C-alpha atoms as a PDB file:
ATOM      1  CA  MET A   1     -51.895 -14.161  11.040  1.00  0.00           C
ATOM      2  CA  ASP A   2     -48.069 -15.468  10.656  1.00  0.00           C
ATOM      3  CA  ALA A   3     -45.273 -16.164  13.465  1.00  0.00           C
ATOM      4  CA  ALA A   4     -43.735 -12.725  12.393  1.00  0.00           C
ATOM      5  CA  GLU A   5     -47.221 -10.962  12.989  1.00  0.00           C
ATOM      6  CA  LYS A   6     -48.012 -12.596  16.052  1.00  0.00           C
ATOM      7  CA  LEU A   7     -44.672 -11.640  17.672  1.00  0.00           C
ATOM      8  CA  LEU A   8     -44.952  -8.391  17.249  1.00  0.00           C
ATOM      9  CA  SER A   9     -48.666  -7.971  18.337  1.00  0.00           C
ATOM     10  CA  GLU A  10     -47.138 -10.013  21.898  1.00  0.00           C
ATOM     11  CA  GLY A  11     -44.314  -7.416  21.643  1.00  0.00           C
ATOM     12  CA  LEU A  12     -46.608  -4.216  21.359  1.00  0.00           C
ATOM     13  CA  ASP A  13     -49.250  -6.246  24.210  1.00  0.00           C
ATOM     14  CA  LEU A  14     -46.176  -6.123  26.381  1.00  0.00           C
ATOM     15  CA  CYS A  15     -45.448  -2.232  26.011  1.00  0.00           C
ATOM     16  CA  VAL A  16     -49.003  -1.294  26.992  1.00  0.00           C
ATOM     17  CA  ARG A  17     -48.754  -3.480  29.967  1.00  0.00           C
ATOM     18  CA  ALA A  18     -45.042  -2.019  30.739  1.00  0.00           C
ATOM     19  CA  ARG A  19     -46.755   1.655  30.773  1.00  0.00           C
ATOM     20  CA  LYS A  20     -49.403   0.455  32.918  1.00  0.00           C
ATOM     21  CA  MET A  21     -47.367  -0.620  35.144  1.00  0.00           C
ATOM     22  CA  ASP A  22     -44.980   2.771  35.461  1.00  0.00           C
ATOM     23  CA  GLU A  23     -48.391   4.441  35.519  1.00  0.00           C
ATOM     24  CA  ILE A  24     -49.132   2.539  38.660  1.00  0.00           C
ATOM     25  CA  ASP A  25     -45.715   2.926  39.729  1.00  0.00           C
ATOM     26  CA  ARG A  26     -45.643   6.963  39.305  1.00  0.00           C
ATOM     27  CA  ARG A  27     -48.862   7.053  41.091  1.00  0.00           C
ATOM     28  CA  ASN A  28     -47.629   5.166  44.155  1.00  0.00           C
ATOM     29  CA  ASN A  29     -44.009   7.202  43.801  1.00  0.00           C
ATOM     30  CA  TRP A  30     -46.389  10.755  44.171  1.00  0.00           C
ATOM     31  CA  LEU A  31     -48.265   9.378  47.008  1.00  0.00           C
ATOM     32  CA  ALA A  32     -45.472   7.947  48.790  1.00  0.00           C
ATOM     33  CA  ALA A  33     -43.704  11.436  48.669  1.00  0.00           C
ATOM     34  CA  SER A  34     -46.754  13.292  49.880  1.00  0.00           C
ATOM     35  CA  THR A  35     -46.494  14.175  53.707  1.00  0.00           C
ATOM     36  CA  ASP A  36     -50.310  13.420  54.033  1.00  0.00           C
ATOM     37  CA  PRO A  37     -51.161  10.755  50.929  1.00  0.00           C
ATOM     38  CA  ASP A  38     -54.512  10.249  52.607  1.00  0.00           C
ATOM     39  CA  GLU A  39     -56.093  13.168  52.929  1.00  0.00           C
ATOM     40  CA  TRP A  40     -54.486  14.569  49.346  1.00  0.00           C
ATOM     41  CA  GLN A  41     -56.779  11.248  47.982  1.00  0.00           C
ATOM     42  CA  GLN A  42     -59.606  12.370  50.227  1.00  0.00           C
ATOM     43  CA  SER A  43     -59.747  15.762  49.715  1.00  0.00           C
ATOM     44  CA  GLY A  44     -59.777  15.058  45.896  1.00  0.00           C
ATOM     45  CA  MET A  45     -56.946  17.269  45.028  1.00  0.00           C
ATOM     46  CA  PHE A  46     -54.708  13.890  44.079  1.00  0.00           C
ATOM     47  CA  ASP A  47     -57.203  13.266  41.465  1.00  0.00           C
ATOM     48  CA  ASP A  48     -57.077  16.879  40.600  1.00  0.00           C
ATOM     49  CA  PHE A  49     -53.330  16.488  39.980  1.00  0.00           C
ATOM     50  CA  VAL A  50     -53.695  13.655  38.327  1.00  0.00           C
ATOM     51  CA  GLU A  51     -55.678  14.542  35.567  1.00  0.00           C
ATOM     52  CA  ARG A  52     -53.567  18.097  35.328  1.00  0.00           C
ATOM     53  CA  TRP A  53     -50.685  15.722  35.330  1.00  0.00           C
ATOM     54  CA  ASN A  54     -51.948  13.438  32.538  1.00  0.00           C
ATOM     55  CA  ASP A  55     -53.259  16.461  30.193  1.00  0.00           C
ATOM     56  CA  GLY A  56     -49.887  18.219  30.521  1.00  0.00           C
ATOM     57  CA  HIS A  57     -47.792  14.751  29.825  1.00  0.00           C
ATOM     58  CA  PRO A  58     -49.525  12.612  27.405  1.00  0.00           C
ATOM     59  CA  ASP A  59     -46.188   9.937  26.744  1.00  0.00           C
ATOM     60  CA  LYS A  60     -45.671   9.868  30.972  1.00  0.00           C
ATOM     61  CA  GLN A  61     -49.724   8.894  32.111  1.00  0.00           C
ATOM     62  CA  CYS A  62     -50.205   8.299  36.222  1.00  0.00           C
ATOM     63  CA  ALA A  63     -52.985   5.820  36.708  1.00  0.00           C
ATOM     64  CA  THR A  64     -56.066   7.698  37.423  1.00  0.00           C
ATOM     65  CA  ARG A  65     -56.772   5.382  40.193  1.00  0.00           C
ATOM     66  CA  SER A  66     -55.168   3.630  43.449  1.00  0.00           C
ATOM     67  CA  GLY A  67     -53.415   0.399  42.698  1.00  0.00           C
ATOM     68  CA  THR A  68     -50.407  -1.690  43.927  1.00  0.00           C
ATOM     69  CA  ILE A  69     -48.472  -3.744  41.805  1.00  0.00           C
ATOM     70  CA  ALA A  70     -48.500  -7.182  42.873  1.00  0.00           C
ATOM     71  CA  LEU A  71     -45.414  -9.392  42.946  1.00  0.00           C
ATOM     72  CA  TRP A  72     -47.392 -11.911  40.810  1.00  0.00           C
ATOM     73  CA  VAL A  73     -47.904  -9.219  37.701  1.00  0.00           C
ATOM     74  CA  ALA A  74     -44.148  -7.857  37.825  1.00  0.00           C
ATOM     75  CA  GLU A  75     -43.114 -11.606  37.575  1.00  0.00           C
ATOM     76  CA  GLN A  76     -45.832 -12.518  35.243  1.00  0.00           C
ATOM     77  CA  TYR A  77     -44.754  -9.876  32.965  1.00  0.00           C
ATOM     78  CA  ASN A  78     -41.113 -10.370  33.529  1.00  0.00           C
ATOM     79  CA  ALA A  79     -41.663 -14.088  32.804  1.00  0.00           C
ATOM     80  CA  ASP A  80     -43.838 -13.316  29.501  1.00  0.00           C
ATOM     81  CA  LEU A  81     -41.259 -10.623  28.513  1.00  0.00           C
ATOM     82  CA  ALA A  82     -38.350 -13.197  28.526  1.00  0.00           C
ATOM     83  CA  ASP A  83     -40.637 -16.090  26.398  1.00  0.00           C
ATOM     84  CA  TRP A  84     -41.401 -13.202  23.869  1.00  0.00           C
ATOM     85  CA  GLU A  85     -37.733 -12.565  23.430  1.00  0.00           C
ATOM     86  CA  ARG A  86     -36.995 -16.069  22.975  1.00  0.00           C
ATOM     87  CA  ARG A  87     -39.232 -16.679  20.529  1.00  0.00           C
ATOM     88  CA  ALA A  88     -38.946 -13.762  18.706  1.00  0.00           C
ATOM     89  CA  ARG A  89     -35.128 -14.421  18.583  1.00  0.00           C
ATOM     90  CA  ASP A  90     -35.499 -17.868  17.099  1.00  0.00           C
ATOM     91  CA  HIS A  91     -38.093 -16.624  14.704  1.00  0.00           C
ATOM     92  CA  LEU A  92     -36.172 -13.805  13.627  1.00  0.00           C
ATOM     93  CA  THR A  93     -32.584 -16.214  13.279  1.00  0.00           C
ATOM     94  CA  LYS A  94     -34.793 -18.796  11.743  1.00  0.00           C
ATOM     95  CA  LYS A  95     -35.941 -16.400   8.747  1.00  0.00           C
ATOM     96  CA  TRP A  96     -32.292 -14.839   8.588  1.00  0.00           C
ATOM     97  CA  ALA A  97     -30.860 -18.399   8.184  1.00  0.00           C
ATOM     98  CA  ASP A  98     -33.369 -19.620   5.497  1.00  0.00           C
ATOM     99  CA  SER A  99     -32.344 -16.511   3.818  1.00  0.00           C
ATOM    100  CA  SER A 100     -28.917 -16.559   3.498  1.00  0.00           C
ATOM    101  CA  PRO A 101     -27.241 -17.465   0.270  1.00  0.00           C
END
């Protein structure tokens, strides 16, 4: 795998991680907006809501089980994204400089 393919693969992995974090955020935000989040979950109605939501919104999924984004997960994602962006820019800059007449 050459450097460009590796960078593309890592970038796609970062996109998947970001979507998973969005799913967890979406779930937590809906529960926080509920008047009785514990009852909504215990009754099973929230899981039904999540299933219906995900069926109708494939581009805006909601996490199917509870989870909280720990601070270190968000920090690690941001660190990985910044590192990937720096390496991608370096690669593209070098590639462009090498191809200039």
